[in-house]
Amino acid sequence: MAGPSNFASVKLPIDLVEQAREAAQPLRRSAAGQIEYWATLGRVVEHSGLTAQEAQTAIEGYEAAARKSQQTRTVADLTSRLLAAEVSRSLAGRVREVVEENRKLAN
């Protein structure tokens, strides 16, 4: 006879299991692993005293700030690269090349 298991069977709504499968796939988790992850997050939120809505708002704020920061870095990087190309005159030369290629294609 096998020893005691660290797992227990639980009945869950099929919609929740399907949502877990979809969410788990890009993260290479199983549906059970995804549900366990969500349960852990729920325990953390509950323990912190936040409501689910407060936690969601905090997460959305964090993600928005992260996106804005990434966009700012991307714009700054692009601007810096364009300025470097302009200083080295390679930008103007490349623009002339593209214009000339387009003229040849148009004829």
PDB file of N, CA and C in Angstrom:
ATOM      1  N   MET A   1       0.840  -1.174   0.000  1.00  0.00           N
ATOM      2  CA  MET A   1       0.000   0.000   0.000  1.00  0.00           C
ATOM      3  C   MET A   1       0.886   1.239   0.000  1.00  0.00           C
ATOM      4  N   ALA A   2       0.508   2.249  -0.788  1.00  0.00           N
ATOM      5  CA  ALA A   2       1.296   3.469  -0.921  1.00  0.00           C
ATOM      6  C   ALA A   2       1.180   4.316   0.331  1.00  0.00           C
ATOM      7  N   GLY A   3       2.201   5.126   0.579  1.00  0.00           N
ATOM      8  CA  GLY A   3       2.213   6.015   1.734  1.00  0.00           C
ATOM      9  C   GLY A   3       1.259   7.177   1.543  1.00  0.00           C
ATOM     10  N   PRO A   4       1.157   8.025   2.568  1.00  0.00           N
ATOM     11  CA  PRO A   4       0.244   9.159   2.478  1.00  0.00           C
ATOM     12  C   PRO A   4       0.669  10.108   1.358  1.00  0.00           C
ATOM     13  N   SER A   5      -0.304  10.719   0.725  1.00  0.00           N
ATOM     14  CA  SER A   5      -0.061  11.633  -0.389  1.00  0.00           C
ATOM     15  C   SER A   5      -0.055  13.077   0.113  1.00  0.00           C
ATOM     16  N   ASN A   6       0.680  13.923  -0.563  1.00  0.00           N
ATOM     17  CA  ASN A   6       0.693  15.349  -0.243  1.00  0.00           C
ATOM     18  C   ASN A   6      -0.380  16.104  -1.015  1.00  0.00           C
ATOM     19  N   PHE A   7      -1.238  15.393  -1.706  1.00  0.00           N
ATOM     20  CA  PHE A   7      -2.260  16.014  -2.523  1.00  0.00           C
ATOM     21  C   PHE A   7      -3.633  15.525  -2.113  1.00  0.00           C
ATOM     22  N   ALA A   8      -4.642  16.367  -2.351  1.00  0.00           N
ATOM     23  CA  ALA A   8      -6.029  16.007  -2.085  1.00  0.00           C
ATOM     24  C   ALA A   8      -6.857  16.381  -3.308  1.00  0.00           C
ATOM     25  N   SER A   9      -7.879  15.626  -3.570  1.00  0.00           N
ATOM     26  CA  SER A   9      -8.773  15.934  -4.683  1.00  0.00           C
ATOM     27  C   SER A   9      -9.813  16.940  -4.217  1.00  0.00           C
ATOM     28  N   VAL A  10     -10.102  17.898  -5.071  1.00  0.00           N
ATOM     29  CA  VAL A  10     -11.092  18.925  -4.766  1.00  0.00           C
ATOM     30  C   VAL A  10     -11.916  19.153  -6.022  1.00  0.00           C
ATOM     31  N   LYS A  11     -13.228  19.293  -5.858  1.00  0.00           N
ATOM     32  CA  LYS A  11     -14.083  19.606  -7.007  1.00  0.00           C
ATOM     33  C   LYS A  11     -14.078  21.111  -7.216  1.00  0.00           C
ATOM     34  N   LEU A  12     -13.800  21.506  -8.457  1.00  0.00           N
ATOM     35  CA  LEU A  12     -13.767  22.919  -8.818  1.00  0.00           C
ATOM     36  C   LEU A  12     -14.668  23.145 -10.022  1.00  0.00           C
ATOM     37  N   PRO A  13     -15.209  24.350 -10.159  1.00  0.00           N
ATOM     38  CA  PRO A  13     -16.019  24.647 -11.335  1.00  0.00           C
ATOM     39  C   PRO A  13     -15.180  24.489 -12.605  1.00  0.00           C
ATOM     40  N   ILE A  14     -15.765  23.901 -13.624  1.00  0.00           N
ATOM     41  CA  ILE A  14     -15.047  23.645 -14.880  1.00  0.00           C
ATOM     42  C   ILE A  14     -14.546  24.944 -15.508  1.00  0.00           C
ATOM     43  N   ASP A  15     -15.319  26.039 -15.360  1.00  0.00           N
ATOM     44  CA  ASP A  15     -14.876  27.327 -15.913  1.00  0.00           C
ATOM     45  C   ASP A  15     -13.566  27.785 -15.277  1.00  0.00           C
ATOM     46  N   LEU A  16     -13.426  27.584 -13.966  1.00  0.00           N
ATOM     47  CA  LEU A  16     -12.201  27.968 -13.273  1.00  0.00           C
ATOM     48  C   LEU A  16     -11.026  27.126 -13.770  1.00  0.00           C
ATOM     49  N   VAL A  17     -11.249  25.847 -13.952  1.00  0.00           N
ATOM     50  CA  VAL A  17     -10.195  24.961 -14.427  1.00  0.00           C
ATOM     51  C   VAL A  17      -9.775  25.346 -15.851  1.00  0.00           C
ATOM     52  N   GLU A  18     -10.742  25.684 -16.696  1.00  0.00           N
ATOM     53  CA  GLU A  18     -10.419  26.108 -18.071  1.00  0.00           C
ATOM     54  C   GLU A  18      -9.646  27.423 -18.068  1.00  0.00           C
ATOM     55  N   GLN A  19     -10.059  28.362 -17.220  1.00  0.00           N
ATOM     56  CA  GLN A  19      -9.330  29.633 -17.116  1.00  0.00           C
ATOM     57  C   GLN A  19      -7.898  29.385 -16.640  1.00  0.00           C
ATOM     58  N   ALA A  20      -7.750  28.470 -15.704  1.00  0.00           N
ATOM     59  CA  ALA A  20      -6.413  28.141 -15.202  1.00  0.00           C
ATOM     60  C   ALA A  20      -5.562  27.515 -16.299  1.00  0.00           C
ATOM     61  N   ARG A  21      -6.154  26.624 -17.098  1.00  0.00           N
ATOM     62  CA  ARG A  21      -5.402  26.015 -18.213  1.00  0.00           C
ATOM     63  C   ARG A  21      -4.907  27.080 -19.181  1.00  0.00           C
ATOM     64  N   GLU A  22      -5.795  28.021 -19.532  1.00  0.00           N
ATOM     65  CA  GLU A  22      -5.424  29.085 -20.470  1.00  0.00           C
ATOM     66  C   GLU A  22      -4.336  29.983 -19.890  1.00  0.00           C
ATOM     67  N   ALA A  23      -4.484  30.349 -18.620  1.00  0.00           N
ATOM     68  CA  ALA A  23      -3.499  31.226 -17.983  1.00  0.00           C
ATOM     69  C   ALA A  23      -2.173  30.511 -17.773  1.00  0.00           C
ATOM     70  N   ALA A  24      -2.217  29.218 -17.546  1.00  0.00           N
ATOM     71  CA  ALA A  24      -1.012  28.448 -17.231  1.00  0.00           C
ATOM     72  C   ALA A  24      -0.145  28.177 -18.451  1.00  0.00           C
ATOM     73  N   GLN A  25      -0.766  28.056 -19.608  1.00  0.00           N
ATOM     74  CA  GLN A  25      -0.045  27.630 -20.807  1.00  0.00           C
ATOM     75  C   GLN A  25       1.175  28.492 -21.121  1.00  0.00           C
ATOM     76  N   PRO A  26       1.054  29.825 -21.225  1.00  0.00           N
ATOM     77  CA  PRO A  26       2.258  30.598 -21.558  1.00  0.00           C
ATOM     78  C   PRO A  26       3.310  30.578 -20.458  1.00  0.00           C
ATOM     79  N   LEU A  27       2.899  30.232 -19.244  1.00  0.00           N
ATOM     80  CA  LEU A  27       3.828  30.203 -18.119  1.00  0.00           C
ATOM     81  C   LEU A  27       4.398  28.814 -17.879  1.00  0.00           C
ATOM     82  N   ARG A  28       3.978  27.869 -18.715  1.00  0.00           N
ATOM     83  CA  ARG A  28       4.424  26.482 -18.622  1.00  0.00           C
ATOM     84  C   ARG A  28       4.108  25.863 -17.262  1.00  0.00           C
ATOM     85  N   ARG A  29       2.906  26.182 -16.787  1.00  0.00           N
ATOM     86  CA  ARG A  29       2.410  25.574 -15.552  1.00  0.00           C
ATOM     87  C   ARG A  29       1.287  24.621 -15.909  1.00  0.00           C
ATOM     88  N   SER A  30       0.994  23.729 -14.999  1.00  0.00           N
ATOM     89  CA  SER A  30      -0.196  22.895 -15.146  1.00  0.00           C
ATOM     90  C   SER A  30      -1.388  23.703 -14.643  1.00  0.00           C
ATOM     91  N   ALA A  31      -2.589  23.244 -14.968  1.00  0.00           N
ATOM     92  CA  ALA A  31      -3.789  23.906 -14.448  1.00  0.00           C
ATOM     93  C   ALA A  31      -3.772  23.874 -12.923  1.00  0.00           C
ATOM     94  N   ALA A  32      -3.379  22.729 -12.356  1.00  0.00           N
ATOM     95  CA  ALA A  32      -3.306  22.615 -10.892  1.00  0.00           C
ATOM     96  C   ALA A  32      -2.269  23.589 -10.327  1.00  0.00           C
ATOM     97  N   GLY A  33      -1.147  23.711 -11.000  1.00  0.00           N
ATOM     98  CA  GLY A  33      -0.110  24.646 -10.562  1.00  0.00           C
ATOM     99  C   GLY A  33      -0.592  26.083 -10.620  1.00  0.00           C
ATOM    100  N   GLN A  34      -1.370  26.408 -11.646  1.00  0.00           N
ATOM    101  CA  GLN A  34      -1.902  27.766 -11.788  1.00  0.00           C
ATOM    102  C   GLN A  34      -2.905  28.055 -10.674  1.00  0.00           C
ATOM    103  N   ILE A  35      -3.770  27.101 -10.394  1.00  0.00           N
ATOM    104  CA  ILE A  35      -4.755  27.291  -9.323  1.00  0.00           C
ATOM    105  C   ILE A  35      -4.043  27.431  -7.982  1.00  0.00           C
ATOM    106  N   GLU A  36      -2.998  26.642  -7.770  1.00  0.00           N
ATOM    107  CA  GLU A  36      -2.221  26.757  -6.537  1.00  0.00           C
ATOM    108  C   GLU A  36      -1.578  28.138  -6.435  1.00  0.00           C
ATOM    109  N   TYR A  37      -1.064  28.642  -7.557  1.00  0.00           N
ATOM    110  CA  TYR A  37      -0.471  29.981  -7.597  1.00  0.00           C
ATOM    111  C   TYR A  37      -1.512  31.031  -7.239  1.00  0.00           C
ATOM    112  N   TRP A  38      -2.698  30.933  -7.874  1.00  0.00           N
ATOM    113  CA  TRP A  38      -3.762  31.885  -7.573  1.00  0.00           C
ATOM    114  C   TRP A  38      -4.162  31.810  -6.099  1.00  0.00           C
ATOM    115  N   ALA A  39      -4.232  30.623  -5.542  1.00  0.00           N
ATOM    116  CA  ALA A  39      -4.596  30.460  -4.130  1.00  0.00           C
ATOM    117  C   ALA A  39      -3.546  31.120  -3.232  1.00  0.00           C
ATOM    118  N   THR A  40      -2.276  30.969  -3.597  1.00  0.00           N
ATOM    119  CA  THR A  40      -1.204  31.595  -2.820  1.00  0.00           C
ATOM    120  C   THR A  40      -1.341  33.111  -2.859  1.00  0.00           C
ATOM    121  N   LEU A  41      -1.590  33.650  -4.046  1.00  0.00           N
ATOM    122  CA  LEU A  41      -1.801  35.098  -4.162  1.00  0.00           C
ATOM    123  C   LEU A  41      -2.990  35.538  -3.325  1.00  0.00           C
ATOM    124  N   GLY A  42      -4.048  34.760  -3.361  1.00  0.00           N
ATOM    125  CA  GLY A  42      -5.234  35.081  -2.571  1.00  0.00           C
ATOM    126  C   GLY A  42      -4.935  35.104  -1.082  1.00  0.00           C
ATOM    127  N   ARG A  43      -4.147  34.151  -0.623  1.00  0.00           N
ATOM    128  CA  ARG A  43      -3.770  34.124   0.802  1.00  0.00           C
ATOM    129  C   ARG A  43      -2.949  35.353   1.164  1.00  0.00           C
ATOM    130  N   VAL A  44      -2.028  35.742   0.288  1.00  0.00           N
ATOM    131  CA  VAL A  44      -1.192  36.918   0.547  1.00  0.00           C
ATOM    132  C   VAL A  44      -2.062  38.169   0.611  1.00  0.00           C
ATOM    133  N   VAL A  45      -2.958  38.314  -0.343  1.00  0.00           N
ATOM    134  CA  VAL A  45      -3.846  39.481  -0.367  1.00  0.00           C
ATOM    135  C   VAL A  45      -4.708  39.507   0.889  1.00  0.00           C
ATOM    136  N   GLU A  46      -5.285  38.382   1.215  1.00  0.00           N
ATOM    137  CA  GLU A  46      -6.153  38.310   2.387  1.00  0.00           C
ATOM    138  C   GLU A  46      -5.372  38.621   3.659  1.00  0.00           C
ATOM    139  N   HIS A  47      -4.171  38.082   3.764  1.00  0.00           N
ATOM    140  CA  HIS A  47      -3.333  38.304   4.943  1.00  0.00           C
ATOM    141  C   HIS A  47      -2.929  39.774   5.070  1.00  0.00           C
ATOM    142  N   SER A  48      -2.763  40.467   3.939  1.00  0.00           N
ATOM    143  CA  SER A  48      -2.347  41.872   3.955  1.00  0.00           C
ATOM    144  C   SER A  48      -3.483  42.794   4.378  1.00  0.00           C
ATOM    145  N   GLY A  49      -4.708  42.267   4.379  1.00  0.00           N
ATOM    146  CA  GLY A  49      -5.853  43.087   4.752  1.00  0.00           C
ATOM    147  C   GLY A  49      -6.469  43.835   3.585  1.00  0.00           C
ATOM    148  N   LEU A  50      -5.918  43.640   2.390  1.00  0.00           N
ATOM    149  CA  LEU A  50      -6.479  44.281   1.205  1.00  0.00           C
ATOM    150  C   LEU A  50      -7.698  43.516   0.728  1.00  0.00           C
ATOM    151  N   THR A  51      -8.603  44.243   0.106  1.00  0.00           N
ATOM    152  CA  THR A  51      -9.691  43.561  -0.593  1.00  0.00           C
ATOM    153  C   THR A  51      -9.159  43.147  -1.950  1.00  0.00           C
ATOM    154  N   ALA A  52      -9.872  42.272  -2.609  1.00  0.00           N
ATOM    155  CA  ALA A  52      -9.460  41.853  -3.957  1.00  0.00           C
ATOM    156  C   ALA A  52      -9.408  43.068  -4.886  1.00  0.00           C
ATOM    157  N   GLN A  53     -10.372  43.978  -4.749  1.00  0.00           N
ATOM    158  CA  GLN A  53     -10.400  45.182  -5.599  1.00  0.00           C
ATOM    159  C   GLN A  53      -9.190  46.079  -5.318  1.00  0.00           C
ATOM    160  N   GLU A  54      -8.828  46.241  -4.047  1.00  0.00           N
ATOM    161  CA  GLU A  54      -7.663  47.065  -3.702  1.00  0.00           C
ATOM    162  C   GLU A  54      -6.380  46.439  -4.258  1.00  0.00           C
ATOM    163  N   ALA A  55      -6.273  45.126  -4.166  1.00  0.00           N
ATOM    164  CA  ALA A  55      -5.095  44.440  -4.696  1.00  0.00           C
ATOM    165  C   ALA A  55      -5.032  44.597  -6.208  1.00  0.00           C
ATOM    166  N   GLN A  56      -6.169  44.444  -6.881  1.00  0.00           N
ATOM    167  CA  GLN A  56      -6.208  44.595  -8.338  1.00  0.00           C
ATOM    168  C   GLN A  56      -5.821  46.013  -8.741  1.00  0.00           C
ATOM    169  N   THR A  57      -6.328  47.006  -8.031  1.00  0.00           N
ATOM    170  CA  THR A  57      -5.989  48.399  -8.325  1.00  0.00           C
ATOM    171  C   THR A  57      -4.496  48.641  -8.132  1.00  0.00           C
ATOM    172  N   ALA A  58      -3.930  48.091  -7.057  1.00  0.00           N
ATOM    173  CA  ALA A  58      -2.494  48.248  -6.800  1.00  0.00           C
ATOM    174  C   ALA A  58      -1.671  47.593  -7.902  1.00  0.00           C
ATOM    175  N   ILE A  59      -2.063  46.402  -8.324  1.00  0.00           N
ATOM    176  CA  ILE A  59      -1.342  45.700  -9.385  1.00  0.00           C
ATOM    177  C   ILE A  59      -1.439  46.472 -10.698  1.00  0.00           C
ATOM    178  N   GLU A  60      -2.633  46.956 -11.034  1.00  0.00           N
ATOM    179  CA  GLU A  60      -2.806  47.732 -12.272  1.00  0.00           C
ATOM    180  C   GLU A  60      -1.960  48.999 -12.240  1.00  0.00           C
ATOM    181  N   GLY A  61      -1.896  49.653 -11.082  1.00  0.00           N
ATOM    182  CA  GLY A  61      -1.058  50.848 -10.952  1.00  0.00           C
ATOM    183  C   GLY A  61       0.410  50.531 -11.143  1.00  0.00           C
ATOM    184  N   TYR A  62       0.849  49.429 -10.555  1.00  0.00           N
ATOM    185  CA  TYR A  62       2.242  49.004 -10.704  1.00  0.00           C
ATOM    186  C   TYR A  62       2.554  48.697 -12.173  1.00  0.00           C
ATOM    187  N   GLU A  63       1.654  47.950 -12.837  1.00  0.00           N
ATOM    188  CA  GLU A  63       1.879  47.585 -14.239  1.00  0.00           C
ATOM    189  C   GLU A  63       1.878  48.816 -15.132  1.00  0.00           C
ATOM    190  N   ALA A  64       0.998  49.779 -14.869  1.00  0.00           N
ATOM    191  CA  ALA A  64       0.954  51.013 -15.670  1.00  0.00           C
ATOM    192  C   ALA A  64       2.255  51.796 -15.497  1.00  0.00           C
ATOM    193  N   ALA A  65       2.743  51.880 -14.280  1.00  0.00           N
ATOM    194  CA  ALA A  65       4.001  52.587 -14.030  1.00  0.00           C
ATOM    195  C   ALA A  65       5.167  51.885 -14.723  1.00  0.00           C
ATOM    196  N   ALA A  66       5.157  50.554 -14.702  1.00  0.00           N
ATOM    197  CA  ALA A  66       6.219  49.790 -15.363  1.00  0.00           C
ATOM    198  C   ALA A  66       6.185  50.005 -16.874  1.00  0.00           C
ATOM    199  N   ARG A  67       4.958  50.014 -17.455  1.00  0.00           N
ATOM    200  CA  ARG A  67       4.838  50.269 -18.901  1.00  0.00           C
ATOM    201  C   ARG A  67       5.324  51.669 -19.251  1.00  0.00           C
ATOM    202  N   LYS A  68       4.938  52.650 -18.443  1.00  0.00           N
ATOM    203  CA  LYS A  68       5.352  54.033 -18.699  1.00  0.00           C
ATOM    204  C   LYS A  68       6.862  54.158 -18.620  1.00  0.00           C
ATOM    205  N   SER A  69       7.446  53.504 -17.627  1.00  0.00           N
ATOM    206  CA  SER A  69       8.894  53.530 -17.470  1.00  0.00           C
ATOM    207  C   SER A  69       9.574  52.900 -18.683  1.00  0.00           C
ATOM    208  N   GLN A  70       9.031  51.779 -19.165  1.00  0.00           N
ATOM    209  CA  GLN A  70       9.593  51.103 -20.335  1.00  0.00           C
ATOM    210  C   GLN A  70       9.474  51.986 -21.570  1.00  0.00           C
ATOM    211  N   GLN A  71       8.333  52.642 -21.736  1.00  0.00           N
ATOM    212  CA  GLN A  71       8.134  53.525 -22.887  1.00  0.00           C
ATOM    213  C   GLN A  71       9.103  54.695 -22.830  1.00  0.00           C
ATOM    214  N   THR A  72       9.283  55.250 -21.636  1.00  0.00           N
ATOM    215  CA  THR A  72      10.198  56.378 -21.473  1.00  0.00           C
ATOM    216  C   THR A  72      11.612  55.954 -21.836  1.00  0.00           C
ATOM    217  N   ARG A  73      12.012  54.771 -21.361  1.00  0.00           N
ATOM    218  CA  ARG A  73      13.355  54.281 -21.694  1.00  0.00           C
ATOM    219  C   ARG A  73      13.478  54.043 -23.189  1.00  0.00           C
ATOM    220  N   THR A  74      12.441  53.485 -23.811  1.00  0.00           N
ATOM    221  CA  THR A  74      12.480  53.207 -25.236  1.00  0.00           C
ATOM    222  C   THR A  74      12.611  54.495 -26.037  1.00  0.00           C
ATOM    223  N   VAL A  75      11.825  55.509 -25.686  1.00  0.00           N
ATOM    224  CA  VAL A  75      11.896  56.796 -26.384  1.00  0.00           C
ATOM    225  C   VAL A  75      13.267  57.419 -26.168  1.00  0.00           C
ATOM    226  N   ALA A  76      13.766  57.367 -24.952  1.00  0.00           N
ATOM    227  CA  ALA A  76      15.086  57.941 -24.660  1.00  0.00           C
ATOM    228  C   ALA A  76      16.176  57.207 -25.443  1.00  0.00           C
ATOM    229  N   ASP A  77      16.086  55.888 -25.505  1.00  0.00           N
ATOM    230  CA  ASP A  77      17.067  55.101 -26.263  1.00  0.00           C
ATOM    231  C   ASP A  77      17.007  55.441 -27.745  1.00  0.00           C
ATOM    232  N   LEU A  78      15.804  55.527 -28.282  1.00  0.00           N
ATOM    233  CA  LEU A  78      15.638  55.850 -29.698  1.00  0.00           C
ATOM    234  C   LEU A  78      16.171  57.249 -29.995  1.00  0.00           C
ATOM    235  N   THR A  79      15.833  58.193 -29.141  1.00  0.00           N
ATOM    236  CA  THR A  79      16.313  59.564 -29.330  1.00  0.00           C
ATOM    237  C   THR A  79      17.829  59.604 -29.303  1.00  0.00           C
ATOM    238  N   SER A  80      18.408  58.909 -28.367  1.00  0.00           N
ATOM    239  CA  SER A  80      19.861  58.885 -28.259  1.00  0.00           C
ATOM    240  C   SER A  80      20.493  58.267 -29.505  1.00  0.00           C
ATOM    241  N   ARG A  81      19.916  57.185 -30.018  1.00  0.00           N
ATOM    242  CA  ARG A  81      20.455  56.546 -31.228  1.00  0.00           C
ATOM    243  C   ARG A  81      20.304  57.451 -32.446  1.00  0.00           C
ATOM    244  N   LEU A  82      19.162  58.134 -32.534  1.00  0.00           N
ATOM    245  CA  LEU A  82      18.965  59.054 -33.664  1.00  0.00           C
ATOM    246  C   LEU A  82      19.959  60.209 -33.608  1.00  0.00           C
ATOM    247  N   LEU A  83      20.173  60.754 -32.422  1.00  0.00           N
ATOM    248  CA  LEU A  83      21.146  61.846 -32.286  1.00  0.00           C
ATOM    249  C   LEU A  83      22.545  61.371 -32.636  1.00  0.00           C
ATOM    250  N   ALA A  84      22.902  60.176 -32.230  1.00  0.00           N
ATOM    251  CA  ALA A  84      24.227  59.635 -32.561  1.00  0.00           C
ATOM    252  C   ALA A  84      24.365  59.456 -34.069  1.00  0.00           C
ATOM    253  N   ALA A  85      23.317  58.964 -34.711  1.00  0.00           N
ATOM    254  CA  ALA A  85      23.360  58.780 -36.163  1.00  0.00           C
ATOM    255  C   ALA A  85      23.431  60.126 -36.877  1.00  0.00           C
ATOM    256  N   GLU A  86      22.728  61.115 -36.341  1.00  0.00           N
ATOM    257  CA  GLU A  86      22.759  62.446 -36.957  1.00  0.00           C
ATOM    258  C   GLU A  86      24.153  63.055 -36.841  1.00  0.00           C
ATOM    259  N   VAL A  87      24.769  62.912 -35.685  1.00  0.00           N
ATOM    260  CA  VAL A  87      26.112  63.455 -35.472  1.00  0.00           C
ATOM    261  C   VAL A  87      27.105  62.792 -36.414  1.00  0.00           C
ATOM    262  N   SER A  88      26.972  61.497 -36.615  1.00  0.00           N
ATOM    263  CA  SER A  88      27.920  60.794 -37.481  1.00  0.00           C
ATOM    264  C   SER A  88      27.560  60.942 -38.963  1.00  0.00           C
ATOM    265  N   ARG A  89      26.484  61.635 -39.248  1.00  0.00           N
ATOM    266  CA  ARG A  89      25.997  61.875 -40.623  1.00  0.00           C
ATOM    267  C   ARG A  89      25.493  60.599 -41.295  1.00  0.00           C
ATOM    268  N   SER A  90      25.449  59.476 -40.581  1.00  0.00           N
ATOM    269  CA  SER A  90      24.982  58.245 -41.205  1.00  0.00           C
ATOM    270  C   SER A  90      23.473  58.275 -41.417  1.00  0.00           C
ATOM    271  N   LEU A  91      22.744  59.022 -40.579  1.00  0.00           N
ATOM    272  CA  LEU A  91      21.294  59.098 -40.730  1.00  0.00           C
ATOM    273  C   LEU A  91      20.944  59.779 -42.047  1.00  0.00           C
ATOM    274  N   ALA A  92      21.533  60.909 -42.301  1.00  0.00           N
ATOM    275  CA  ALA A  92      21.239  61.632 -43.539  1.00  0.00           C
ATOM    276  C   ALA A  92      21.632  60.800 -44.757  1.00  0.00           C
ATOM    277  N   GLY A  93      22.775  60.126 -44.673  1.00  0.00           N
ATOM    278  CA  GLY A  93      23.211  59.281 -45.785  1.00  0.00           C
ATOM    279  C   GLY A  93      22.246  58.139 -46.037  1.00  0.00           C
ATOM    280  N   ARG A  94      21.777  57.515 -44.982  1.00  0.00           N
ATOM    281  CA  ARG A  94      20.828  56.396 -45.137  1.00  0.00           C
ATOM    282  C   ARG A  94      19.505  56.884 -45.693  1.00  0.00           C
ATOM    283  N   VAL A  95      19.039  58.054 -45.263  1.00  0.00           N
ATOM    284  CA  VAL A  95      17.799  58.615 -45.807  1.00  0.00           C
ATOM    285  C   VAL A  95      17.955  58.865 -47.305  1.00  0.00           C
ATOM    286  N   ARG A  96      19.104  59.410 -47.711  1.00  0.00           N
ATOM    287  CA  ARG A  96      19.343  59.643 -49.149  1.00  0.00           C
ATOM    288  C   ARG A  96      19.325  58.327 -49.925  1.00  0.00           C
ATOM    289  N   GLU A  97      19.927  57.272 -49.346  1.00  0.00           N
ATOM    290  CA  GLU A  97      19.942  55.957 -50.000  1.00  0.00           C
ATOM    291  C   GLU A  97      18.526  55.424 -50.193  1.00  0.00           C
ATOM    292  N   VAL A  98      17.702  55.525 -49.161  1.00  0.00           N
ATOM    293  CA  VAL A  98      16.326  55.019 -49.238  1.00  0.00           C
ATOM    294  C   VAL A  98      15.532  55.802 -50.267  1.00  0.00           C
ATOM    295  N   VAL A  99      15.687  57.124 -50.284  1.00  0.00           N
ATOM    296  CA  VAL A  99      14.980  57.958 -51.264  1.00  0.00           C
ATOM    297  C   VAL A  99      15.401  57.562 -52.671  1.00  0.00           C
ATOM    298  N   GLU A 100      16.679  57.368 -52.882  1.00  0.00           N
ATOM    299  CA  GLU A 100      17.185  56.990 -54.211  1.00  0.00           C
ATOM    300  C   GLU A 100      16.666  55.615 -54.620  1.00  0.00           C
ATOM    301  N   GLU A 101      16.649  54.650 -53.694  1.00  0.00           N
ATOM    302  CA  GLU A 101      16.120  53.330 -53.997  1.00  0.00           C
ATOM    303  C   GLU A 101      14.639  53.406 -54.381  1.00  0.00           C
ATOM    304  N   ASN A 102      13.896  54.224 -53.659  1.00  0.00           N
ATOM    305  CA  ASN A 102      12.469  54.374 -53.951  1.00  0.00           C
ATOM    306  C   ASN A 102      12.248  55.027 -55.305  1.00  0.00           C
ATOM    307  N   ARG A 103      13.087  55.987 -55.669  1.00  0.00           N
ATOM    308  CA  ARG A 103      12.981  56.610 -56.988  1.00  0.00           C
ATOM    309  C   ARG A 103      13.217  55.588 -58.095  1.00  0.00           C
ATOM    310  N   LYS A 104      14.233  54.755 -57.906  1.00  0.00           N
ATOM    311  CA  LYS A 104      14.535  53.728 -58.922  1.00  0.00           C
ATOM    312  C   LYS A 104      13.372  52.751 -59.051  1.00  0.00           C
ATOM    313  N   LEU A 105      12.759  52.371 -57.930  1.00  0.00           N
ATOM    314  CA  LEU A 105      11.624  51.453 -57.978  1.00  0.00           C
ATOM    315  C   LEU A 105      10.416  52.093 -58.630  1.00  0.00           C
ATOM    316  N   ALA A 106      10.262  53.394 -58.491  1.00  0.00           N
ATOM    317  CA  ALA A 106       9.107  54.094 -59.054  1.00  0.00           C
ATOM    318  C   ALA A 106       9.210  54.220 -60.581  1.00  0.00           C
ATOM    319  N   ASN A 107      10.416  54.201 -61.111  1.00  0.00           N
ATOM    320  CA  ASN A 107      10.592  54.358 -62.573  1.00  0.00           C
ATOM    321  C   ASN A 107      10.426  53.095 -63.305  1.00  0.00           C
TER     322      ASN A 107
END
